[in-house]
Each structure stands twice: as C-alpha cells, then as structure tokens.
Amino acid sequence: MLNRNIIFPSIIIFLSAIAFAVITQFDKPMFQDASVDAKFFPMVIVIAQIVLCIILILQHIYKKSKPEEQPLITKMSVFGILYILGYAVLISIIGYLYASLITFLFYLVYFKVKKPLYYIVALTFVLVVYYLFGEVFYITLPEAFWA
C-alpha cells in the first residue's frame, strides 16, 4: 500500500533537487549594494524543504504505533494544492503584496479563524517581508502587471 507519509515528502525532495539545480542559474542582482544575490532565499527554502522532508520520513519510519491507513489524497490536500496554485496565479497578476494579503486573509476566513491576533500577524508578516525584500535586500518581489 502506498503511504502518503513517504510518497509526498519524497516527491518534494525530488522537486526541490530540481529547483536547486535551476536556482544556480539565477542572475546576479542589478544593484551593486545588494547584501544577497537572487539565489540566496530560494536556496534557503529548498534546503529547508529537503531537511524537513527527510525528518518527516524518518519520523514516520521510527514511529512506534502504526496508525490506521489514510487515503493517499484527501479533500484537504486538494485544497492545499489549489490554494498554492491560486496564489501563484494571483501573484503573477496582481503582485506579491496584494496577492499575499488576499490569500492570507482568505485562508483565515475559510477556516473561520476568529482570533483578531491571527489576522494582525498575517498582515504584519506580509508587510514586513515586502519591506525587507524591497528596502533591505534590494530584491524586487513580483509587482502587478499594470504597475
């Protein structure tokens, strides 16, 4: 029986390895005073994904109790895939800032989160990332196509 606790992390490791190879082809930033180049953050994310997926696989292998079999694909996993695809499309149309604000808020509303602090943290996170990339690292995030 196919086990989703092994298959999905393995797929992510494979895709991350491909992304790692592609990332090395990124150009240098246009600004001379940029503290990091265009490869830095994608490389950090890819390495973190690989490490986390290895930990998930090892955790599943060494787990003492055997849980009941779960289906390979669930409604929640389909929602996650559609959510990320929608976010990617939205970023290309309206840019990082607006797409992130909309999708973070959609996620919280969809799951009926009632704590205002979660909304404040989500909005603050988006704005801080936008500021850090633009003003500190001089890395341009995707902008709206009309801007």
Protein backbone atom coordinates (compact mmCIF):
# COMPACT_ATOMS: atom_id res chain seq x y z
CA MET A 1 0.00 0.00 0.00
CA LEU A 2 1.24 3.42 -0.91
CA ASN A 3 1.90 5.51 2.16
CA ARG A 4 1.40 9.25 1.86
CA ASN A 5 3.85 9.90 4.72
CA ILE A 6 6.61 8.55 2.48
CA ILE A 7 5.40 9.43 -1.02
CA PHE A 8 4.69 13.15 -0.65
CA PRO A 9 7.93 14.05 1.18
CA SER A 10 9.83 12.03 -1.44
CA ILE A 11 8.14 13.98 -4.25
CA ILE A 12 9.02 17.27 -2.54
CA ILE A 13 12.65 16.16 -2.14
CA PHE A 14 12.79 15.27 -5.85
CA LEU A 15 11.22 18.59 -6.91
CA SER A 16 13.48 20.51 -4.52
CA ALA A 17 16.54 18.86 -6.05
CA ILE A 18 15.39 20.02 -9.49
CA ALA A 19 14.72 23.52 -8.13
CA PHE A 20 18.19 23.54 -6.55
CA ALA A 21 19.76 22.88 -9.95
CA VAL A 22 17.66 25.60 -11.61
CA ILE A 23 18.35 28.18 -8.88
CA THR A 24 22.08 28.03 -9.53
CA GLN A 25 21.36 29.59 -12.95
CA PHE A 26 19.83 32.79 -11.48
CA ASP A 27 21.44 36.07 -12.49
CA LYS A 28 23.20 38.43 -10.12
CA PRO A 29 21.08 41.32 -8.80
CA MET A 30 21.05 44.59 -10.72
CA PHE A 31 22.03 46.65 -7.66
CA GLN A 32 25.67 46.67 -6.60
CA ASP A 33 24.86 47.25 -2.93
CA ALA A 34 22.52 44.27 -2.53
CA SER A 35 23.50 42.24 0.52
CA VAL A 36 22.41 38.93 -1.03
CA ASP A 37 22.01 37.76 -4.59
CA ALA A 38 18.92 36.30 -6.24
CA LYS A 39 19.93 32.74 -5.34
CA PHE A 40 20.06 33.17 -1.56
CA PHE A 41 16.42 32.92 -0.42
CA PRO A 42 15.33 30.23 -2.90
CA MET A 43 18.36 28.14 -1.87
CA VAL A 44 17.50 28.52 1.82
CA ILE A 45 13.91 27.44 1.17
CA VAL A 46 14.94 24.45 -0.97
CA ILE A 47 17.46 23.25 1.61
CA ALA A 48 14.91 23.69 4.42
CA GLN A 49 12.31 21.71 2.42
CA ILE A 50 14.72 18.85 1.86
CA VAL A 51 15.74 18.72 5.54
CA LEU A 52 12.12 18.88 6.76
CA CYS A 53 11.02 16.16 4.35
CA ILE A 54 13.84 13.88 5.46
CA ILE A 55 12.80 14.48 9.08
CA LEU A 56 9.16 13.66 8.20
CA ILE A 57 10.18 10.40 6.50
CA LEU A 58 12.43 9.36 9.39
CA GLN A 59 9.75 10.30 11.91
CA HIS A 60 7.24 8.10 10.10
CA ILE A 61 9.67 5.18 9.83
CA TYR A 62 10.63 5.24 13.51
CA LYS A 63 7.12 5.85 14.86
CA LYS A 64 6.24 3.15 17.40
CA SER A 65 2.49 2.87 16.84
CA LYS A 66 1.01 2.15 13.45
CA PRO A 67 -1.92 4.46 12.66
CA GLU A 68 -4.86 3.32 10.56
CA GLU A 69 -4.41 3.61 6.82
CA GLN A 70 -5.22 7.02 5.40
CA PRO A 71 -6.21 7.70 1.80
CA LEU A 72 -3.39 8.92 -0.42
CA ILE A 73 -5.26 12.08 -1.45
CA THR A 74 -7.73 13.87 0.81
CA LYS A 75 -10.00 16.89 0.40
CA MET A 76 -7.56 18.94 2.47
CA SER A 77 -4.61 18.04 0.23
CA VAL A 78 -6.61 19.02 -2.87
CA PHE A 79 -7.50 22.30 -1.16
CA GLY A 80 -3.80 22.90 -0.40
CA ILE A 81 -2.75 22.28 -3.99
CA LEU A 82 -5.49 24.54 -5.38
CA TYR A 83 -4.67 27.20 -2.78
CA ILE A 84 -0.99 27.31 -3.76
CA LEU A 85 -1.78 27.27 -7.49
CA GLY A 86 -4.27 30.10 -7.00
CA TYR A 87 -1.70 32.07 -5.01
CA ALA A 88 0.90 31.62 -7.75
CA VAL A 89 -1.55 32.79 -10.43
CA LEU A 90 -2.65 35.72 -8.29
CA ILE A 91 0.97 36.80 -7.69
CA SER A 92 1.60 36.92 -11.43
CA ILE A 93 -1.50 39.06 -11.96
CA ILE A 94 -1.60 41.47 -9.02
CA GLY A 95 1.87 41.10 -7.47
CA TYR A 96 3.23 39.81 -4.18
CA LEU A 97 1.79 42.40 -1.81
CA TYR A 98 -1.87 42.26 -2.85
CA ALA A 99 -1.84 38.52 -3.61
CA SER A 100 -0.36 37.70 -0.22
CA LEU A 101 -2.77 39.95 1.64
CA ILE A 102 -5.75 38.43 -0.19
CA THR A 103 -4.68 34.79 0.15
CA PHE A 104 -3.66 35.06 3.82
CA LEU A 105 -6.99 36.67 4.65
CA PHE A 106 -8.89 34.12 2.51
CA TYR A 107 -7.19 31.27 4.37
CA LEU A 108 -8.13 32.68 7.78
CA VAL A 109 -11.72 33.38 6.74
CA TYR A 110 -12.09 29.96 5.03
CA PHE A 111 -11.10 28.17 8.22
CA LYS A 112 -13.27 30.51 10.31
CA VAL A 113 -10.45 31.85 12.47
CA LYS A 114 -11.99 34.23 14.98
CA LYS A 115 -8.91 35.49 16.82
CA PRO A 116 -8.02 39.03 15.63
CA LEU A 117 -4.37 38.44 16.56
CA TYR A 118 -4.04 35.88 13.73
CA TYR A 119 -5.21 38.47 11.20
CA ILE A 120 -2.81 41.07 12.61
CA VAL A 121 0.11 38.63 12.49
CA ALA A 122 -0.71 37.60 8.90
CA LEU A 123 -0.94 41.18 7.65
CA THR A 124 2.17 42.25 9.57
CA PHE A 125 4.14 39.29 8.20
CA VAL A 126 3.25 40.18 4.59
CA LEU A 127 4.17 43.84 5.07
CA VAL A 128 7.45 43.04 6.87
CA VAL A 129 8.53 40.60 4.16
CA TYR A 130 7.64 43.16 1.47
CA TYR A 131 9.66 45.86 3.27
CA LEU A 132 12.67 43.60 3.96
CA PHE A 133 12.97 42.40 0.39
CA GLY A 134 12.48 45.82 -1.17
CA GLU A 135 14.36 48.10 1.22
CA VAL A 136 16.94 45.93 2.98
CA PHE A 137 17.88 43.23 0.48
CA TYR A 138 17.06 45.19 -2.71
CA ILE A 139 15.28 42.20 -4.18
CA THR A 140 12.21 43.09 -6.20
CA LEU A 141 9.15 41.00 -5.49
CA PRO A 142 6.58 40.45 -8.26
CA GLU A 143 4.51 43.54 -8.97
CA ALA A 144 1.10 43.86 -10.57
CA PHE A 145 1.21 43.75 -14.37
CA TRP A 146 -0.40 47.20 -14.58
CA ALA A 147 2.17 48.83 -12.26
